[in-house]
């Protein structure tokens, strides 16, 4: 039996009022869900076969900067079909005035790293040609 694929990812943000417009612009899509569950509010997008959600907790710890060196999330990567698509995304991030590290090539593929308004590390990734 193969291990199941990822169905969704949830990222905790400090301020949905700031993050939702940023992700809406990045994804060029409207969320499919905006719900207050009581313990937290979440906003969710459907991207292909994966749901990407943002959570905001009313009792959240907002004074701690994200650091990928701590145990937990290192980064979230989105798949590109090839390097040409990755180059398109580099241009799109420039248009959106989103800082990024440029395309970095490696034997296992090419990546384009950037951060969301809370400093969460995101990446667009293409397999090697």
N, C-alpha and C. Protein backbone atom coordinates (compact mmCIF):
# COMPACT_ATOMS: atom_id res chain seq x y z
N UNK A 1 0.85 -1.17 0.00
CA UNK A 1 0.00 0.00 0.00
C UNK A 1 0.90 1.24 0.00
N UNK A 2 0.63 2.18 -0.91
CA UNK A 2 1.39 3.42 -1.00
C UNK A 2 0.90 4.40 0.05
N UNK A 3 1.80 5.23 0.53
CA UNK A 3 1.42 6.25 1.50
C UNK A 3 0.55 7.28 0.80
N UNK A 4 -0.52 7.77 1.45
CA UNK A 4 -1.44 8.72 0.80
C UNK A 4 -0.76 10.06 0.47
N UNK A 5 -1.30 10.74 -0.53
CA UNK A 5 -0.77 12.05 -0.91
C UNK A 5 -1.25 13.12 0.08
N UNK A 6 -0.68 14.28 -0.01
CA UNK A 6 -1.06 15.40 0.86
C UNK A 6 -2.37 16.00 0.35
N UNK A 7 -3.35 16.16 1.24
CA UNK A 7 -4.63 16.74 0.85
C UNK A 7 -4.69 18.23 1.15
N UNK A 8 -4.07 18.63 2.27
CA UNK A 8 -4.11 20.05 2.61
C UNK A 8 -2.93 20.43 3.49
N UNK A 9 -2.66 21.71 3.47
CA UNK A 9 -1.63 22.32 4.31
C UNK A 9 -2.28 23.51 4.98
N UNK A 10 -2.03 23.69 6.27
CA UNK A 10 -2.56 24.84 7.00
C UNK A 10 -1.39 25.62 7.58
N UNK A 11 -1.35 26.90 7.31
CA UNK A 11 -0.31 27.79 7.81
C UNK A 11 -0.93 28.74 8.82
N UNK A 12 -0.31 28.91 9.96
CA UNK A 12 -0.78 29.86 10.95
C UNK A 12 -0.19 31.23 10.63
N UNK A 13 -1.06 32.22 10.53
CA UNK A 13 -0.62 33.59 10.25
C UNK A 13 -1.04 34.49 11.42
N UNK A 14 -0.41 35.64 11.50
CA UNK A 14 -0.71 36.55 12.61
C UNK A 14 -1.92 37.44 12.34
N UNK A 15 -2.24 37.68 11.06
CA UNK A 15 -3.30 38.62 10.73
C UNK A 15 -3.92 38.24 9.38
N UNK A 16 -5.10 37.61 9.44
CA UNK A 16 -5.77 37.21 8.20
C UNK A 16 -6.13 38.41 7.34
N UNK A 17 -6.43 39.55 7.96
CA UNK A 17 -6.78 40.74 7.19
C UNK A 17 -5.61 41.21 6.32
N UNK A 18 -4.40 40.89 6.72
CA UNK A 18 -3.21 41.22 5.93
C UNK A 18 -2.87 40.07 4.98
N UNK A 19 -2.96 38.84 5.47
CA UNK A 19 -2.50 37.68 4.68
C UNK A 19 -3.46 37.27 3.58
N UNK A 20 -4.76 37.33 3.81
CA UNK A 20 -5.72 36.88 2.80
C UNK A 20 -5.57 37.65 1.49
N UNK A 21 -5.51 38.99 1.50
CA UNK A 21 -5.32 39.69 0.22
C UNK A 21 -4.00 39.33 -0.46
N UNK A 22 -2.95 39.12 0.34
CA UNK A 22 -1.64 38.77 -0.22
C UNK A 22 -1.72 37.43 -0.93
N UNK A 23 -2.29 36.41 -0.28
CA UNK A 23 -2.41 35.08 -0.89
C UNK A 23 -3.42 35.09 -2.03
N UNK A 24 -4.50 35.87 -1.91
CA UNK A 24 -5.48 35.98 -2.99
C UNK A 24 -4.78 36.49 -4.26
N UNK A 25 -3.93 37.48 -4.11
CA UNK A 25 -3.20 38.03 -5.25
C UNK A 25 -2.18 37.02 -5.77
N UNK A 26 -1.45 36.37 -4.87
CA UNK A 26 -0.46 35.38 -5.29
C UNK A 26 -1.13 34.24 -6.05
N UNK A 27 -2.21 33.68 -5.50
CA UNK A 27 -2.89 32.54 -6.12
C UNK A 27 -3.79 32.96 -7.28
N UNK A 28 -4.10 34.26 -7.39
CA UNK A 28 -5.03 34.77 -8.39
C UNK A 28 -6.34 33.99 -8.35
N UNK A 29 -6.82 33.79 -7.12
CA UNK A 29 -8.04 33.01 -6.91
C UNK A 29 -8.71 33.45 -5.61
N UNK A 30 -10.00 33.22 -5.57
CA UNK A 30 -10.77 33.49 -4.35
C UNK A 30 -10.73 32.25 -3.46
N UNK A 31 -10.78 32.44 -2.17
CA UNK A 31 -10.85 31.28 -1.26
C UNK A 31 -12.16 30.53 -1.45
N UNK A 32 -12.12 29.23 -1.13
CA UNK A 32 -13.32 28.40 -1.21
C UNK A 32 -14.01 28.31 0.15
N UNK A 33 -13.35 28.78 1.19
CA UNK A 33 -13.91 28.71 2.54
C UNK A 33 -13.34 29.83 3.39
N UNK A 34 -14.19 30.45 4.17
CA UNK A 34 -13.78 31.43 5.18
C UNK A 34 -14.68 31.16 6.38
N UNK A 35 -14.11 30.55 7.41
CA UNK A 35 -14.93 30.05 8.50
C UNK A 35 -14.28 30.33 9.84
N UNK A 36 -15.11 30.76 10.79
CA UNK A 36 -14.67 30.92 12.17
C UNK A 36 -15.16 29.71 12.93
N UNK A 37 -14.24 28.87 13.37
CA UNK A 37 -14.60 27.62 14.04
C UNK A 37 -14.74 27.79 15.55
N UNK A 38 -14.42 28.96 16.05
CA UNK A 38 -14.41 29.18 17.50
C UNK A 38 -12.98 29.27 18.00
N UNK A 39 -12.26 28.14 17.98
CA UNK A 39 -10.86 28.21 18.42
C UNK A 39 -9.96 28.97 17.44
N UNK A 40 -10.34 29.02 16.17
CA UNK A 40 -9.56 29.75 15.17
C UNK A 40 -10.45 30.07 13.97
N UNK A 41 -9.99 31.02 13.17
CA UNK A 41 -10.64 31.33 11.89
C UNK A 41 -9.72 30.82 10.81
N UNK A 42 -10.29 30.25 9.76
CA UNK A 42 -9.45 29.82 8.66
C UNK A 42 -10.06 30.18 7.32
N UNK A 43 -9.16 30.43 6.39
CA UNK A 43 -9.50 30.76 5.01
C UNK A 43 -8.74 29.76 4.14
N UNK A 44 -9.44 29.15 3.18
CA UNK A 44 -8.87 28.03 2.43
C UNK A 44 -9.02 28.25 0.92
N UNK A 45 -7.96 27.92 0.19
CA UNK A 45 -7.96 27.91 -1.27
C UNK A 45 -7.83 26.48 -1.76
N UNK A 46 -8.43 26.19 -2.90
CA UNK A 46 -8.28 24.91 -3.57
C UNK A 46 -7.32 25.11 -4.74
N UNK A 47 -6.16 24.48 -4.64
CA UNK A 47 -5.13 24.59 -5.68
C UNK A 47 -4.86 23.19 -6.23
N UNK A 48 -5.44 22.88 -7.36
CA UNK A 48 -5.30 21.53 -7.92
C UNK A 48 -5.92 20.52 -6.97
N UNK A 49 -5.14 19.54 -6.55
CA UNK A 49 -5.62 18.51 -5.65
C UNK A 49 -5.32 18.82 -4.18
N UNK A 50 -4.82 20.01 -3.91
CA UNK A 50 -4.41 20.36 -2.55
C UNK A 50 -5.15 21.60 -2.06
N UNK A 51 -5.56 21.55 -0.82
CA UNK A 51 -6.13 22.72 -0.17
C UNK A 51 -5.03 23.41 0.62
N UNK A 52 -4.96 24.74 0.51
CA UNK A 52 -4.01 25.53 1.29
C UNK A 52 -4.83 26.46 2.17
N UNK A 53 -4.66 26.31 3.48
CA UNK A 53 -5.41 27.09 4.43
C UNK A 53 -4.54 28.00 5.25
N UNK A 54 -5.12 29.12 5.65
CA UNK A 54 -4.48 30.04 6.58
C UNK A 54 -5.31 30.04 7.85
N UNK A 55 -4.66 29.89 8.98
CA UNK A 55 -5.33 29.90 10.28
C UNK A 55 -4.87 31.11 11.07
N UNK A 56 -5.81 31.73 11.78
CA UNK A 56 -5.48 32.78 12.73
C UNK A 56 -6.15 32.43 14.05
N UNK A 57 -5.35 32.39 15.11
CA UNK A 57 -5.85 32.06 16.43
C UNK A 57 -6.00 33.34 17.24
N UNK A 58 -7.16 33.53 17.91
CA UNK A 58 -7.35 34.75 18.69
C UNK A 58 -6.35 34.90 19.82
N UNK A 59 -5.84 33.78 20.33
CA UNK A 59 -4.84 33.83 21.40
C UNK A 59 -3.44 33.52 20.86
N UNK A 60 -3.22 33.81 19.57
CA UNK A 60 -1.95 33.50 18.93
C UNK A 60 -0.79 34.25 19.53
N UNK A 61 0.39 33.70 19.30
CA UNK A 61 1.63 34.30 19.78
C UNK A 61 2.21 35.10 18.62
N UNK A 62 1.94 36.40 18.60
CA UNK A 62 2.32 37.22 17.47
C UNK A 62 3.69 37.85 17.57
N UNK A 63 4.35 37.72 18.71
CA UNK A 63 5.63 38.40 18.87
C UNK A 63 6.83 37.49 18.62
N UNK A 64 6.59 36.33 18.01
CA UNK A 64 7.67 35.38 17.73
C UNK A 64 7.86 35.30 16.22
N UNK A 65 9.03 35.65 15.74
CA UNK A 65 9.31 35.56 14.31
C UNK A 65 9.47 34.11 13.89
N UNK A 66 9.04 33.81 12.67
CA UNK A 66 9.22 32.46 12.13
C UNK A 66 10.70 32.21 11.92
N UNK A 67 11.12 30.99 12.23
CA UNK A 67 12.51 30.59 12.01
C UNK A 67 12.51 29.13 11.57
N UNK A 68 12.86 28.90 10.32
CA UNK A 68 12.83 27.54 9.78
C UNK A 68 13.87 26.63 10.43
N UNK A 69 14.76 27.18 11.23
CA UNK A 69 15.75 26.34 11.92
C UNK A 69 15.18 25.68 13.17
N UNK A 70 14.02 26.16 13.63
CA UNK A 70 13.34 25.51 14.76
C UNK A 70 12.61 24.28 14.24
N UNK A 71 12.38 23.29 15.08
CA UNK A 71 11.59 22.14 14.64
C UNK A 71 10.20 22.60 14.18
N UNK A 72 9.73 22.00 13.12
CA UNK A 72 8.45 22.35 12.53
C UNK A 72 8.60 22.56 11.04
N UNK A 73 7.85 23.47 10.51
CA UNK A 73 7.87 23.75 9.07
C UNK A 73 9.20 24.34 8.64
N UNK A 74 9.73 23.87 7.54
CA UNK A 74 10.90 24.49 6.93
C UNK A 74 10.42 25.41 5.81
N UNK A 75 9.65 24.88 4.88
CA UNK A 75 9.06 25.69 3.83
C UNK A 75 7.96 24.90 3.14
N UNK A 76 7.13 25.60 2.37
CA UNK A 76 6.08 25.00 1.57
C UNK A 76 6.42 25.26 0.12
N UNK A 77 6.48 24.19 -0.68
CA UNK A 77 6.86 24.32 -2.09
C UNK A 77 5.67 23.98 -2.99
N UNK A 78 5.53 24.76 -4.06
CA UNK A 78 4.49 24.56 -5.07
C UNK A 78 5.17 24.08 -6.36
N UNK A 79 4.55 23.11 -7.03
CA UNK A 79 5.15 22.47 -8.19
C UNK A 79 4.97 23.28 -9.47
N UNK A 80 6.04 23.42 -10.20
CA UNK A 80 6.02 23.95 -11.56
C UNK A 80 6.40 22.81 -12.49
N UNK A 81 5.87 22.82 -13.70
CA UNK A 81 6.13 21.74 -14.64
C UNK A 81 7.55 21.70 -15.16
N UNK A 82 8.14 22.88 -15.34
CA UNK A 82 9.50 22.95 -15.87
C UNK A 82 10.11 24.31 -15.53
N UNK A 83 11.36 24.49 -15.94
CA UNK A 83 12.07 25.73 -15.60
C UNK A 83 11.43 26.94 -16.28
N UNK A 84 10.88 26.76 -17.47
CA UNK A 84 10.22 27.88 -18.17
C UNK A 84 9.05 28.40 -17.34
N UNK A 85 8.28 27.51 -16.75
CA UNK A 85 7.18 27.93 -15.90
C UNK A 85 7.71 28.65 -14.66
N UNK A 86 8.82 28.16 -14.14
CA UNK A 86 9.45 28.81 -12.99
C UNK A 86 9.90 30.23 -13.36
N UNK A 87 10.45 30.41 -14.55
CA UNK A 87 10.85 31.73 -15.02
C UNK A 87 9.64 32.66 -15.12
N UNK A 88 8.53 32.11 -15.58
CA UNK A 88 7.28 32.89 -15.63
C UNK A 88 6.91 33.37 -14.23
N UNK A 89 7.02 32.48 -13.24
CA UNK A 89 6.67 32.84 -11.87
C UNK A 89 7.61 33.88 -11.29
N UNK A 90 8.88 33.82 -11.66
CA UNK A 90 9.83 34.84 -11.20
C UNK A 90 9.37 36.21 -11.71
N UNK A 91 8.96 36.27 -12.96
CA UNK A 91 8.44 37.53 -13.52
C UNK A 91 7.15 37.94 -12.82
N UNK A 92 6.29 36.99 -12.54
CA UNK A 92 5.02 37.29 -11.87
C UNK A 92 5.26 37.83 -10.46
N UNK A 93 6.20 37.24 -9.73
CA UNK A 93 6.52 37.75 -8.39
C UNK A 93 7.07 39.17 -8.49
N UNK A 94 7.87 39.45 -9.50
CA UNK A 94 8.37 40.81 -9.72
C UNK A 94 7.20 41.76 -9.96
N UNK A 95 6.24 41.36 -10.80
CA UNK A 95 5.06 42.19 -11.07
C UNK A 95 4.27 42.48 -9.79
N UNK A 96 4.22 41.48 -8.90
CA UNK A 96 3.48 41.62 -7.65
C UNK A 96 4.30 42.31 -6.56
N UNK A 97 5.54 42.69 -6.90
CA UNK A 97 6.45 43.34 -5.96
C UNK A 97 6.71 42.46 -4.73
N UNK A 98 6.84 41.15 -4.99
CA UNK A 98 7.18 40.19 -3.94
C UNK A 98 8.67 39.87 -4.07
N UNK A 99 9.41 40.19 -3.02
CA UNK A 99 10.85 39.90 -3.02
C UNK A 99 11.08 38.39 -3.10
N UNK A 100 12.11 38.00 -3.84
CA UNK A 100 12.46 36.59 -3.95
C UNK A 100 13.96 36.47 -4.15
N UNK A 101 14.45 35.26 -4.02
CA UNK A 101 15.89 35.02 -4.11
C UNK A 101 16.39 34.67 -5.50
N UNK A 102 15.54 34.78 -6.51
CA UNK A 102 15.94 34.38 -7.86
C UNK A 102 15.91 32.87 -7.98
N UNK A 103 15.99 32.39 -9.19
CA UNK A 103 15.95 30.95 -9.44
C UNK A 103 17.31 30.36 -9.09
N UNK A 104 17.27 29.31 -8.29
CA UNK A 104 18.50 28.59 -7.91
C UNK A 104 18.41 27.19 -8.50
N UNK A 105 19.42 26.84 -9.32
CA UNK A 105 19.45 25.54 -9.97
C UNK A 105 20.30 24.57 -9.16
N UNK A 106 19.86 23.33 -9.11
CA UNK A 106 20.58 22.25 -8.44
C UNK A 106 20.37 20.98 -9.26
N UNK A 107 21.16 19.95 -9.02
CA UNK A 107 20.98 18.72 -9.79
C UNK A 107 19.58 18.11 -9.65
N UNK A 108 18.92 18.32 -8.52
CA UNK A 108 17.60 17.72 -8.26
C UNK A 108 16.44 18.61 -8.71
N UNK A 109 16.73 19.83 -9.22
CA UNK A 109 15.68 20.72 -9.70
C UNK A 109 16.03 22.17 -9.48
N UNK A 110 15.08 23.04 -9.76
CA UNK A 110 15.29 24.48 -9.62
C UNK A 110 14.22 25.06 -8.72
N UNK A 111 14.62 25.99 -7.85
CA UNK A 111 13.70 26.58 -6.91
C UNK A 111 13.72 28.08 -6.93
N UNK A 112 12.61 28.67 -6.54
CA UNK A 112 12.44 30.11 -6.46
C UNK A 112 11.82 30.39 -5.09
N UNK A 113 12.61 30.91 -4.16
CA UNK A 113 12.17 31.09 -2.78
C UNK A 113 11.70 32.52 -2.52
N UNK A 114 10.65 32.63 -1.69
CA UNK A 114 10.12 33.93 -1.27
C UNK A 114 9.40 33.74 0.05
N UNK A 115 8.93 34.82 0.66
CA UNK A 115 8.27 34.73 1.96
C UNK A 115 6.94 35.47 1.94
N UNK A 116 6.02 34.98 2.78
CA UNK A 116 4.72 35.64 2.90
C UNK A 116 4.84 36.80 3.90
N UNK A 117 3.76 37.54 4.17
CA UNK A 117 3.84 38.69 5.07
C UNK A 117 4.31 38.36 6.49
N UNK A 118 4.13 37.11 6.94
CA UNK A 118 4.62 36.70 8.26
C UNK A 118 6.03 36.14 8.22
N UNK A 119 6.63 36.12 7.04
CA UNK A 119 7.97 35.57 6.91
C UNK A 119 7.99 34.06 6.69
N UNK A 120 6.81 33.46 6.46
CA UNK A 120 6.79 32.02 6.19
C UNK A 120 7.44 31.77 4.83
N UNK A 121 8.38 30.81 4.79
CA UNK A 121 9.08 30.55 3.54
C UNK A 121 8.27 29.71 2.56
N UNK A 122 8.14 30.21 1.35
CA UNK A 122 7.43 29.56 0.27
C UNK A 122 8.41 29.36 -0.88
N UNK A 123 8.12 28.40 -1.73
CA UNK A 123 9.00 28.12 -2.86
C UNK A 123 8.17 27.63 -4.03
N UNK A 124 8.60 28.00 -5.22
CA UNK A 124 8.10 27.41 -6.45
C UNK A 124 9.23 26.51 -6.93
N UNK A 125 8.91 25.27 -7.33
CA UNK A 125 9.96 24.28 -7.62
C UNK A 125 9.65 23.56 -8.91
N UNK A 126 10.69 23.37 -9.73
CA UNK A 126 10.58 22.64 -10.99
C UNK A 126 11.59 21.50 -11.00
N UNK A 127 11.20 20.35 -11.53
CA UNK A 127 12.14 19.22 -11.61
C UNK A 127 13.26 19.53 -12.60
N UNK A 128 14.35 18.77 -12.53
CA UNK A 128 15.45 19.03 -13.48
C UNK A 128 14.99 18.76 -14.92
N UNK A 129 15.61 19.46 -15.86
CA UNK A 129 15.24 19.29 -17.28
C UNK A 129 15.84 18.04 -17.85
